[in-house]
Amino acid sequence: MPTYSWQKSSYCQEGEACVHISATPAAIHLTDRATPPRPVLTTSPAAFAALLRAVKTHAPLIPVTGR
């Protein structure tokens, strides 16, 4: 499994109720656990940016394709 440099979200609740993120130029990796084993969701920077825009504006998501 690849080694990622994880950063904890600044919006964490008490304890481990957090999202951890690791960004590379080609991908955004997300997990909900600080220690292994942890499931990792990987997405493109464009798709992650679209998600953040939708969350911030309460807008519906429009699919982003890699084409």
Protein backbone atom coordinates (compact mmCIF):
# COMPACT_ATOMS: atom_id res chain seq x y z
CA MET A 1 0.00 0.00 0.00
CA PRO A 2 1.35 3.45 -0.84
CA THR A 3 2.49 5.77 1.92
CA TYR A 4 0.56 9.04 2.07
CA SER A 5 1.19 12.19 4.06
CA TRP A 6 -2.13 12.63 5.89
CA GLN A 7 -3.53 15.92 7.17
CA LYS A 8 -6.46 16.00 9.60
CA SER A 9 -9.42 18.19 8.69
CA SER A 10 -9.72 21.43 10.63
CA TYR A 11 -13.45 20.68 11.08
CA CYS A 12 -12.98 17.53 13.20
CA GLN A 13 -15.24 16.67 16.06
CA GLU A 14 -13.81 15.45 19.35
CA GLY A 15 -11.98 12.15 19.17
CA GLU A 16 -11.46 10.50 15.82
CA ALA A 17 -14.62 11.76 14.06
CA CYS A 18 -12.49 13.30 11.31
CA VAL A 19 -11.68 13.24 7.66
CA HIS A 20 -8.01 12.86 6.78
CA ILE A 21 -6.75 14.02 3.38
CA SER A 22 -3.60 13.42 1.38
CA ALA A 23 -3.15 15.33 -1.85
CA THR A 24 -0.79 14.66 -4.74
CA PRO A 25 -0.75 16.48 -8.09
CA ALA A 26 -2.68 13.61 -9.71
CA ALA A 27 -5.05 12.49 -6.94
CA ILE A 28 -6.84 13.33 -3.71
CA HIS A 29 -6.95 10.56 -1.08
CA LEU A 30 -9.50 10.60 1.76
CA THR A 31 -9.95 8.40 4.80
CA ASP A 32 -11.81 8.52 8.09
CA ARG A 33 -9.17 6.81 10.21
CA ALA A 34 -5.85 8.02 11.55
CA THR A 35 -4.28 4.58 11.82
CA PRO A 36 -4.10 1.56 9.50
CA PRO A 37 -5.89 -0.41 8.32
CA ARG A 38 -7.94 2.35 6.77
CA PRO A 39 -10.14 2.41 3.70
CA VAL A 40 -8.93 5.05 1.26
CA LEU A 41 -11.13 6.83 -1.26
CA THR A 42 -9.13 8.24 -4.19
CA THR A 43 -10.49 10.80 -6.63
CA SER A 44 -9.21 13.34 -9.13
CA PRO A 45 -8.51 16.93 -8.10
CA ALA A 46 -11.25 18.11 -10.51
CA ALA A 47 -13.87 15.80 -8.99
CA PHE A 48 -12.87 16.80 -5.44
CA ALA A 49 -13.05 20.50 -6.36
CA ALA A 50 -16.54 19.94 -7.81
CA LEU A 51 -17.60 18.24 -4.57
CA LEU A 52 -16.29 21.12 -2.47
CA ARG A 53 -18.05 23.70 -4.67
CA ALA A 54 -21.32 21.78 -4.42
CA VAL A 55 -21.04 21.45 -0.64
CA LYS A 56 -20.22 25.12 -0.19
CA THR A 57 -23.09 26.30 -2.41
CA HIS A 58 -25.56 23.49 -1.61
CA ALA A 59 -25.75 22.81 -5.35
CA PRO A 60 -26.38 19.40 -6.93
CA LEU A 61 -23.30 17.58 -8.19
CA ILE A 62 -22.69 17.39 -11.93
CA PRO A 63 -20.63 14.34 -12.98
CA VAL A 64 -17.01 15.09 -13.86
CA THR A 65 -15.39 12.82 -16.42
CA GLY A 66 -11.71 12.28 -17.05
CA ARG A 67 -12.05 12.69 -20.81
